[in-house]
Full PDB file with SEQRES, HELIX, SHEET, SSBOND, CRYST1, ORIGX, SCALE, CONECT and MASTER records, all heavy atoms in Angstrom:
SEQRES   1 A   35  PRO PRO GLU ALA LEU PRO ARG ASN LEU ILE GLN SER GLU          
SEQRES   2 A   35  THR GLY LEU VAL PRO ALA ASP ILE TYR GLY THR THR GLU          
SEQRES   3 A   35  SER SER LEU GLY TRP HIS GLY GLN THR                          
HELIX    1 AA1 ARG A    7  THR A   14  1                                   8    
CRYST1    1.000    1.000    1.000  90.00  90.00  90.00 P 1           1          
ORIGX1      1.000000  0.000000  0.000000        0.00000                         
ORIGX2      0.000000  1.000000  0.000000        0.00000                         
ORIGX3      0.000000  0.000000  1.000000        0.00000                         
SCALE1      1.000000  0.000000  0.000000        0.00000                         
SCALE2      0.000000  1.000000  0.000000        0.00000                         
SCALE3      0.000000  0.000000  1.000000        0.00000                         
ATOM      1  N   PRO A   1      10.086  40.385  14.948  1.00  0.00           N  
ATOM      2  CA  PRO A   1       8.659  40.289  14.614  1.00  0.00           C  
ATOM      3  C   PRO A   1       8.380  40.793  13.195  1.00  0.00           C  
ATOM      4  O   PRO A   1       9.085  41.686  12.730  1.00  0.00           O  
ATOM      5  CB  PRO A   1       8.005  41.211  15.638  1.00  0.00           C  
ATOM      6  CG  PRO A   1       9.049  42.246  15.890  1.00  0.00           C  
ATOM      7  CD  PRO A   1      10.376  41.578  15.737  1.00  0.00           C  
ATOM      8  N   PRO A   2       7.404  40.226  12.513  1.00  0.00           N  
ATOM      9  CA  PRO A   2       7.132  40.653  11.141  1.00  0.00           C  
ATOM     10  C   PRO A   2       6.383  41.984  11.091  1.00  0.00           C  
ATOM     11  O   PRO A   2       5.694  42.361  12.039  1.00  0.00           O  
ATOM     12  CB  PRO A   2       6.250  39.519  10.598  1.00  0.00           C  
ATOM     13  CG  PRO A   2       5.575  38.965  11.813  1.00  0.00           C  
ATOM     14  CD  PRO A   2       6.556  39.114  12.953  1.00  0.00           C  
ATOM     15  N   GLU A   3       6.546  42.676   9.982  1.00  0.00           N  
ATOM     16  CA  GLU A   3       5.907  43.985   9.837  1.00  0.00           C  
ATOM     17  C   GLU A   3       4.399  43.838   9.669  1.00  0.00           C  
ATOM     18  O   GLU A   3       3.907  42.952   8.967  1.00  0.00           O  
ATOM     19  CB  GLU A   3       6.499  44.716   8.630  1.00  0.00           C  
ATOM     20  CG  GLU A   3       6.344  43.964   7.320  1.00  0.00           C  
ATOM     21  CD  GLU A   3       7.210  44.525   6.202  1.00  0.00           C  
ATOM     22  OE1 GLU A   3       8.300  45.028   6.490  1.00  0.00           O  
ATOM     23  OE2 GLU A   3       6.772  44.446   5.036  1.00  0.00           O  
ATOM     24  N   ALA A   4       3.656  44.705  10.344  1.00  0.00           N  
ATOM     25  CA  ALA A   4       2.205  44.775  10.173  1.00  0.00           C  
ATOM     26  C   ALA A   4       1.846  45.754   9.063  1.00  0.00           C  
ATOM     27  O   ALA A   4       0.812  45.617   8.413  1.00  0.00           O  
ATOM     28  CB  ALA A   4       1.540  45.191  11.482  1.00  0.00           C  
ATOM     29  N   LEU A   5       2.696  46.770   8.862  1.00  0.00           N  
ATOM     30  CA  LEU A   5       2.507  47.732   7.777  1.00  0.00           C  
ATOM     31  C   LEU A   5       3.500  47.362   6.673  1.00  0.00           C  
ATOM     32  O   LEU A   5       4.711  47.532   6.843  1.00  0.00           O  
ATOM     33  CB  LEU A   5       2.778  49.153   8.270  1.00  0.00           C  
ATOM     34  CG  LEU A   5       2.491  50.267   7.265  1.00  0.00           C  
ATOM     35  CD1 LEU A   5       0.991  50.407   7.041  1.00  0.00           C  
ATOM     36  CD2 LEU A   5       3.080  51.594   7.744  1.00  0.00           C  
ATOM     37  N   PRO A   6       3.035  46.843   5.537  1.00  0.00           N  
ATOM     38  CA  PRO A   6       3.949  46.374   4.494  1.00  0.00           C  
ATOM     39  C   PRO A   6       4.760  47.525   3.893  1.00  0.00           C  
ATOM     40  O   PRO A   6       4.205  48.462   3.344  1.00  0.00           O  
ATOM     41  CB  PRO A   6       3.016  45.752   3.450  1.00  0.00           C  
ATOM     42  CG  PRO A   6       1.739  45.495   4.178  1.00  0.00           C  
ATOM     43  CD  PRO A   6       1.630  46.572   5.202  1.00  0.00           C  
ATOM     44  N   ARG A   7       6.074  47.431   3.991  1.00  0.00           N  
ATOM     45  CA  ARG A   7       6.914  48.528   3.519  1.00  0.00           C  
ATOM     46  C   ARG A   7       6.838  48.714   2.016  1.00  0.00           C  
ATOM     47  O   ARG A   7       7.048  49.817   1.518  1.00  0.00           O  
ATOM     48  CB  ARG A   7       8.360  48.308   3.960  1.00  0.00           C  
ATOM     49  CG  ARG A   7       9.135  47.263   3.195  1.00  0.00           C  
ATOM     50  CD  ARG A   7      10.527  47.117   3.743  1.00  0.00           C  
ATOM     51  NE  ARG A   7      10.522  46.486   5.055  1.00  0.00           N  
ATOM     52  CZ  ARG A   7      11.444  46.726   5.980  1.00  0.00           C  
ATOM     53  NH1 ARG A   7      12.418  47.560   5.734  1.00  0.00           N  
ATOM     54  NH2 ARG A   7      11.392  46.111   7.141  1.00  0.00           N  
ATOM     55  N   ASN A   8       6.524  47.639   1.281  1.00  0.00           N  
ATOM     56  CA  ASN A   8       6.485  47.759  -0.179  1.00  0.00           C  
ATOM     57  C   ASN A   8       5.265  48.529  -0.680  1.00  0.00           C  
ATOM     58  O   ASN A   8       5.168  48.841  -1.865  1.00  0.00           O  
ATOM     59  CB  ASN A   8       6.538  46.381  -0.835  1.00  0.00           C  
ATOM     60  CG  ASN A   8       5.351  45.501  -0.464  1.00  0.00           C  
ATOM     61  OD1 ASN A   8       4.664  45.759   0.515  1.00  0.00           O  
ATOM     62  ND2 ASN A   8       5.126  44.463  -1.249  1.00  0.00           N  
ATOM     63  N   LEU A   9       4.324  48.860   0.224  1.00  0.00           N  
ATOM     64  CA  LEU A   9       3.151  49.631  -0.177  1.00  0.00           C  
ATOM     65  C   LEU A   9       3.232  51.093   0.256  1.00  0.00           C  
ATOM     66  O   LEU A   9       2.428  51.914  -0.193  1.00  0.00           O  
ATOM     67  CB  LEU A   9       1.886  49.018   0.439  1.00  0.00           C  
ATOM     68  CG  LEU A   9       1.490  47.613  -0.005  1.00  0.00           C  
ATOM     69  CD1 LEU A   9       0.244  47.160   0.759  1.00  0.00           C  
ATOM     70  CD2 LEU A   9       1.238  47.572  -1.503  1.00  0.00           C  
ATOM     71  N   ILE A  10       4.181  51.423   1.118  1.00  0.00           N  
ATOM     72  CA  ILE A  10       4.154  52.731   1.765  1.00  0.00           C  
ATOM     73  C   ILE A  10       4.298  53.874   0.769  1.00  0.00           C  
ATOM     74  O   ILE A  10       3.479  54.802   0.732  1.00  0.00           O  
ATOM     75  CB  ILE A  10       5.252  52.813   2.850  1.00  0.00           C  
ATOM     76  CG1 ILE A  10       4.914  51.867   4.004  1.00  0.00           C  
ATOM     77  CG2 ILE A  10       5.390  54.251   3.360  1.00  0.00           C  
ATOM     78  CD1 ILE A  10       6.011  51.749   5.036  1.00  0.00           C  
ATOM     79  N   GLN A  11       5.324  53.845  -0.066  1.00  0.00           N  
ATOM     80  CA  GLN A  11       5.559  54.988  -0.945  1.00  0.00           C  
ATOM     81  C   GLN A  11       4.472  55.105  -2.013  1.00  0.00           C  
ATOM     82  O   GLN A  11       4.011  56.212  -2.311  1.00  0.00           O  
ATOM     83  CB  GLN A  11       6.936  54.908  -1.599  1.00  0.00           C  
ATOM     84  CG  GLN A  11       7.278  56.171  -2.398  1.00  0.00           C  
ATOM     85  CD  GLN A  11       8.739  56.254  -2.771  1.00  0.00           C  
ATOM     86  OE1 GLN A  11       9.492  55.286  -2.609  1.00  0.00           O  
ATOM     87  NE2 GLN A  11       9.171  57.404  -3.272  1.00  0.00           N  
ATOM     88  N   SER A  12       4.052  53.972  -2.578  1.00  0.00           N  
ATOM     89  CA  SER A  12       3.033  54.045  -3.631  1.00  0.00           C  
ATOM     90  C   SER A  12       1.692  54.527  -3.095  1.00  0.00           C  
ATOM     91  O   SER A  12       0.931  55.193  -3.801  1.00  0.00           O  
ATOM     92  CB  SER A  12       2.870  52.674  -4.302  1.00  0.00           C  
ATOM     93  OG  SER A  12       2.445  51.707  -3.354  1.00  0.00           O  
ATOM     94  N   GLU A  13       1.371  54.225  -1.835  1.00  0.00           N  
ATOM     95  CA  GLU A  13       0.087  54.595  -1.265  1.00  0.00           C  
ATOM     96  C   GLU A  13       0.088  55.963  -0.597  1.00  0.00           C  
ATOM     97  O   GLU A  13      -0.958  56.600  -0.491  1.00  0.00           O  
ATOM     98  CB  GLU A  13      -0.353  53.543  -0.247  1.00  0.00           C  
ATOM     99  CG  GLU A  13      -0.666  52.174  -0.841  1.00  0.00           C  
ATOM    100  CD  GLU A  13      -1.890  52.213  -1.726  1.00  0.00           C  
ATOM    101  OE1 GLU A  13      -2.818  52.990  -1.432  1.00  0.00           O  
ATOM    102  OE2 GLU A  13      -1.927  51.451  -2.709  1.00  0.00           O  
ATOM    103  N   THR A  14       1.258  56.424  -0.122  1.00  0.00           N  
ATOM    104  CA  THR A  14       1.286  57.667   0.658  1.00  0.00           C  
ATOM    105  C   THR A  14       2.245  58.721   0.114  1.00  0.00           C  
ATOM    106  O   THR A  14       2.163  59.888   0.515  1.00  0.00           O  
ATOM    107  CB  THR A  14       1.698  57.382   2.116  1.00  0.00           C  
ATOM    108  OG1 THR A  14       3.076  56.974   2.154  1.00  0.00           O  
ATOM    109  CG2 THR A  14       0.832  56.297   2.727  1.00  0.00           C  
ATOM    110  N   GLY A  15       3.194  58.347  -0.742  1.00  0.00           N  
ATOM    111  CA  GLY A  15       4.216  59.284  -1.200  1.00  0.00           C  
ATOM    112  C   GLY A  15       5.344  59.475  -0.204  1.00  0.00           C  
ATOM    113  O   GLY A  15       6.260  60.261  -0.436  1.00  0.00           O  
ATOM    114  N   LEU A  16       5.305  58.746   0.927  1.00  0.00           N  
ATOM    115  CA  LEU A  16       6.318  58.849   1.966  1.00  0.00           C  
ATOM    116  C   LEU A  16       7.240  57.632   1.928  1.00  0.00           C  
ATOM    117  O   LEU A  16       6.902  56.602   1.338  1.00  0.00           O  
ATOM    118  CB  LEU A  16       5.668  58.948   3.349  1.00  0.00           C  
ATOM    119  CG  LEU A  16       4.623  60.044   3.543  1.00  0.00           C  
ATOM    120  CD1 LEU A  16       3.985  59.922   4.919  1.00  0.00           C  
ATOM    121  CD2 LEU A  16       5.230  61.421   3.349  1.00  0.00           C  
ATOM    122  N   VAL A  17       8.381  57.746   2.588  1.00  0.00           N  
ATOM    123  CA  VAL A  17       9.309  56.620   2.687  1.00  0.00           C  
ATOM    124  C   VAL A  17       9.679  56.426   4.153  1.00  0.00           C  
ATOM    125  O   VAL A  17       9.740  57.389   4.925  1.00  0.00           O  
ATOM    126  CB  VAL A  17      10.585  56.849   1.844  1.00  0.00           C  
ATOM    127  CG1 VAL A  17      10.234  56.911   0.367  1.00  0.00           C  
ATOM    128  CG2 VAL A  17      11.320  58.111   2.272  1.00  0.00           C  
ATOM    129  N   PRO A  18       9.942  55.172   4.565  1.00  0.00           N  
ATOM    130  CA  PRO A  18      10.328  54.931   5.959  1.00  0.00           C  
ATOM    131  C   PRO A  18      11.794  55.261   6.194  1.00  0.00           C  
ATOM    132  O   PRO A  18      12.630  55.140   5.287  1.00  0.00           O  
ATOM    133  CB  PRO A  18      10.057  53.435   6.143  1.00  0.00           C  
ATOM    134  CG  PRO A  18      10.177  52.852   4.777  1.00  0.00           C  
ATOM    135  CD  PRO A  18       9.724  53.928   3.819  1.00  0.00           C  
ATOM    136  N   ALA A  19      12.097  55.681   7.405  1.00  0.00           N  
ATOM    137  CA  ALA A  19      13.482  55.921   7.776  1.00  0.00           C  
ATOM    138  C   ALA A  19      14.243  54.600   7.806  1.00  0.00           C  
ATOM    139  O   ALA A  19      13.672  53.540   8.063  1.00  0.00           O  
ATOM    140  CB  ALA A  19      13.542  56.594   9.146  1.00  0.00           C  
ATOM    141  N   ASP A  20      15.535  54.662   7.518  1.00  0.00           N  
ATOM    142  CA  ASP A  20      16.386  53.486   7.623  1.00  0.00           C  
ATOM    143  C   ASP A  20      16.727  53.247   9.084  1.00  0.00           C  
ATOM    144  O   ASP A  20      17.364  54.086   9.734  1.00  0.00           O  
ATOM    145  CB  ASP A  20      17.682  53.677   6.822  1.00  0.00           C  
ATOM    146  CG  ASP A  20      17.427  53.683   5.323  1.00  0.00           C  
ATOM    147  OD1 ASP A  20      16.545  52.936   4.870  1.00  0.00           O  
ATOM    148  OD2 ASP A  20      18.110  54.452   4.610  1.00  0.00           O  
ATOM    149  N   ILE A  21      16.268  52.128   9.610  1.00  0.00           N  
ATOM    150  CA  ILE A  21      16.544  51.769  11.002  1.00  0.00           C  
ATOM    151  C   ILE A  21      17.463  50.557  10.990  1.00  0.00           C  
ATOM    152  O   ILE A  21      17.052  49.462  10.594  1.00  0.00           O  
ATOM    153  CB  ILE A  21      15.257  51.462  11.784  1.00  0.00           C  
ATOM    154  CG1 ILE A  21      14.310  52.672  11.756  1.00  0.00           C  
ATOM    155  CG2 ILE A  21      15.584  51.084  13.225  1.00  0.00           C  
ATOM    156  CD1 ILE A  21      13.019  52.455  12.511  1.00  0.00           C  
ATOM    157  N   TYR A  22      18.702  50.747  11.382  1.00  0.00           N  
ATOM    158  CA  TYR A  22      19.673  49.666  11.361  1.00  0.00           C  
ATOM    159  C   TYR A  22      19.604  48.874  12.663  1.00  0.00           C  
ATOM    160  O   TYR A  22      19.296  49.405  13.724  1.00  0.00           O  
ATOM    161  CB  TYR A  22      21.081  50.222  11.157  1.00  0.00           C  
ATOM    162  CG  TYR A  22      21.235  50.948   9.845  1.00  0.00           C  
ATOM    163  CD1 TYR A  22      21.228  52.338   9.791  1.00  0.00           C  
ATOM    164  CD2 TYR A  22      21.344  50.234   8.660  1.00  0.00           C  
ATOM    165  CE1 TYR A  22      21.344  53.011   8.583  1.00  0.00           C  
ATOM    166  CE2 TYR A  22      21.463  50.895   7.450  1.00  0.00           C  
ATOM    167  CZ  TYR A  22      21.469  52.278   7.414  1.00  0.00           C  
ATOM    168  OH  TYR A  22      21.581  52.936   6.212  1.00  0.00           O  
ATOM    169  N   GLY A  23      19.885  47.579  12.561  1.00  0.00           N  
ATOM    170  CA  GLY A  23      19.894  46.741  13.747  1.00  0.00           C  
ATOM    171  C   GLY A  23      18.600  46.013  14.001  1.00  0.00           C  
ATOM    172  O   GLY A  23      18.483  45.303  14.994  1.00  0.00           O  
ATOM    173  N   THR A  24      17.605  46.198  13.122  1.00  0.00           N  
ATOM    174  CA  THR A  24      16.359  45.442  13.246  1.00  0.00           C  
ATOM    175  C   THR A  24      16.426  44.242  12.304  1.00  0.00           C  
ATOM    176  O   THR A  24      17.324  44.124  11.477  1.00  0.00           O  
ATOM    177  CB  THR A  24      15.147  46.312  12.880  1.00  0.00           C  
ATOM    178  OG1 THR A  24      15.285  46.751  11.518  1.00  0.00           O  
ATOM    179  CG2 THR A  24      15.063  47.529  13.777  1.00  0.00           C  
ATOM    180  N   THR A  25      15.465  43.331  12.415  1.00  0.00           N  
ATOM    181  CA  THR A  25      15.446  42.175  11.538  1.00  0.00           C  
ATOM    182  C   THR A  25      14.934  42.580  10.153  1.00  0.00           C  
ATOM    183  O   THR A  25      14.276  43.608   9.998  1.00  0.00           O  
ATOM    184  CB  THR A  25      14.541  41.074  12.110  1.00  0.00           C  
ATOM    185  OG1 THR A  25      13.189  41.537  12.123  1.00  0.00           O  
ATOM    186  CG2 THR A  25      14.954  40.718  13.534  1.00  0.00           C  
ATOM    187  N   GLU A  26      15.227  41.751   9.175  1.00  0.00           N  
ATOM    188  CA  GLU A  26      14.803  42.053   7.802  1.00  0.00           C  
ATOM    189  C   GLU A  26      13.293  42.066   7.665  1.00  0.00           C  
ATOM    190  O   GLU A  26      12.748  42.732   6.794  1.00  0.00           O  
ATOM    191  CB  GLU A  26      15.415  41.037   6.836  1.00  0.00           C  
ATOM    192  CG  GLU A  26      16.934  41.156   6.689  1.00  0.00           C  
ATOM    193  CD  GLU A  26      17.478  40.194   5.661  1.00  0.00           C  
ATOM    194  OE1 GLU A  26      16.668  39.432   5.065  1.00  0.00           O  
ATOM    195  OE2 GLU A  26      18.698  40.176   5.447  1.00  0.00           O  
ATOM    196  N   SER A  27      12.605  41.318   8.523  1.00  0.00           N  
ATOM    197  CA  SER A  27      11.144  41.237   8.421  1.00  0.00           C  
ATOM    198  C   SER A  27      10.438  42.349   9.174  1.00  0.00           C  
ATOM    199  O   SER A  27       9.229  42.509   9.054  1.00  0.00           O  
ATOM    200  CB  SER A  27      10.658  39.877   8.942  1.00  0.00           C  
ATOM    201  OG  SER A  27      10.981  39.746  10.310  1.00  0.00           O  
ATOM    202  N   SER A  28      11.178  43.129   9.978  1.00  0.00           N  
ATOM    203  CA  SER A  28      10.567  44.188  10.779  1.00  0.00           C  
ATOM    204  C   SER A  28      10.672  45.523  10.070  1.00  0.00           C  
ATOM    205  O   SER A  28      11.676  45.814   9.418  1.00  0.00           O  
ATOM    206  CB  SER A  28      11.252  44.285  12.149  1.00  0.00           C  
ATOM    207  OG  SER A  28      11.132  43.064  12.854  1.00  0.00           O  
ATOM    208  N   LEU A  29       9.643  46.338  10.241  1.00  0.00           N  
ATOM    209  CA  LEU A  29       9.673  47.692   9.695  1.00  0.00           C  
ATOM    210  C   LEU A  29      10.271  48.677  10.688  1.00  0.00           C  
ATOM    211  O   LEU A  29      10.973  49.611  10.310  1.00  0.00           O  
ATOM    212  CB  LEU A  29       8.256  48.129   9.309  1.00  0.00           C  
ATOM    213  CG  LEU A  29       8.095  49.547   8.759  1.00  0.00           C  
ATOM    214  CD1 LEU A  29       8.877  49.723   7.458  1.00  0.00           C  
ATOM    215  CD2 LEU A  29       6.621  49.868   8.537  1.00  0.00           C  
ATOM    216  N   GLY A  30      10.000  48.488  11.974  1.00  0.00           N  
ATOM    217  CA  GLY A  30      10.410  49.463  12.979  1.00  0.00           C  
ATOM    218  C   GLY A  30      11.284  48.883  14.063  1.00  0.00           C  
ATOM    219  O   GLY A  30      11.718  47.723  13.994  1.00  0.00           O  
ATOM    220  N   TRP A  31      11.527  49.685  15.080  1.00  0.00           N  
ATOM    221  CA  TRP A  31      12.279  49.274  16.264  1.00  0.00           C  
ATOM    222  C   TRP A  31      11.371  49.444  17.464  1.00  0.00           C  
ATOM    223  O   TRP A  31      10.839  50.534  17.684  1.00  0.00           O  
ATOM    224  CB  TRP A  31      13.540  50.124  16.414  1.00  0.00           C  
ATOM    225  CG  TRP A  31      14.452  49.647  17.494  1.00  0.00           C  
ATOM    226  CD1 TRP A  31      15.085  48.433  17.546  1.00  0.00           C  
ATOM    227  CD2 TRP A  31      14.833  50.350  18.674  1.00  0.00           C  
ATOM    228  NE1 TRP A  31      15.842  48.355  18.691  1.00  0.00           N  
ATOM    229  CE2 TRP A  31      15.704  49.510  19.409  1.00  0.00           C  
ATOM    230  CE3 TRP A  31      14.523  51.619  19.183  1.00  0.00           C  
ATOM    231  CZ2 TRP A  31      16.263  49.888  20.612  1.00  0.00           C  
ATOM    232  CZ3 TRP A  31      15.084  51.999  20.386  1.00  0.00           C  
ATOM    233  CH2 TRP A  31      15.947  51.136  21.090  1.00  0.00           C  
ATOM    234  N   HIS A  32      11.159  48.344  18.209  1.00  0.00           N  
ATOM    235  CA  HIS A  32      10.132  48.329  19.257  1.00  0.00           C  
ATOM    236  C   HIS A  32       8.788  48.783  18.681  1.00  0.00           C  
ATOM    237  O   HIS A  32       8.023  49.490  19.343  1.00  0.00           O  
ATOM    238  CB  HIS A  32      10.533  49.201  20.436  1.00  0.00           C  
ATOM    239  CG  HIS A  32      11.623  48.613  21.279  1.00  0.00           C  
ATOM    240  ND1 HIS A  32      11.419  47.548  22.124  1.00  0.00           N  
ATOM    241  CD2 HIS A  32      12.931  48.937  21.399  1.00  0.00           C  
ATOM    242  CE1 HIS A  32      12.555  47.235  22.740  1.00  0.00           C  
ATOM    243  NE2 HIS A  32      13.487  48.059  22.318  1.00  0.00           N  
ATOM    244  N   GLY A  33       8.548  48.387  17.427  1.00  0.00           N  
ATOM    245  CA  GLY A  33       7.264  48.694  16.797  1.00  0.00           C  
ATOM    246  C   GLY A  33       7.110  50.103  16.275  1.00  0.00           C  
ATOM    247  O   GLY A  33       6.008  50.502  15.904  1.00  0.00           O  
ATOM    248  N   GLN A  34       8.203  50.866  16.221  1.00  0.00           N  
ATOM    249  CA  GLN A  34       8.103  52.267  15.815  1.00  0.00           C  
ATOM    250  C   GLN A  34       8.956  52.564  14.586  1.00  0.00           C  
ATOM    251  O   GLN A  34      10.031  51.996  14.421  1.00  0.00           O  
ATOM    252  CB  GLN A  34       8.578  53.177  16.950  1.00  0.00           C  
ATOM    253  CG  GLN A  34       7.753  53.064  18.198  1.00  0.00           C  
ATOM    254  CD  GLN A  34       8.345  53.916  19.294  1.00  0.00           C  
ATOM    255  OE1 GLN A  34       8.091  55.116  19.357  1.00  0.00           O  
ATOM    256  NE2 GLN A  34       9.149  53.323  20.141  1.00  0.00           N  
ATOM    257  N   THR A  35       8.456  53.463  13.776  1.00  0.00           N  
ATOM    258  CA  THR A  35       9.243  53.980  12.667  1.00  0.00           C  
ATOM    259  C   THR A  35       8.772  55.400  12.370  1.00  0.00           C  
ATOM    260  O   THR A  35       7.811  55.890  12.959  1.00  0.00           O  
ATOM    261  CB  THR A  35       9.124  53.096  11.418  1.00  0.00           C  
ATOM    262  OG1 THR A  35      10.144  53.451  10.480  1.00  0.00           O  
ATOM    263  CG2 THR A  35       7.758  53.243  10.737  1.00  0.00           C  
TER     264      THR A  35                                                      
MASTER        0    0    0    1    0    0    0    6  263    1    0    3          
END                                                                             
């Protein structure tokens, strides 16, 4: 499933970075919708 929260905006907007979750699709940000 495609990401609802765009990963390319996360660090610039919040100063945070997402965890690396391996085994998900390239279009997904999380696993079962979580990150």
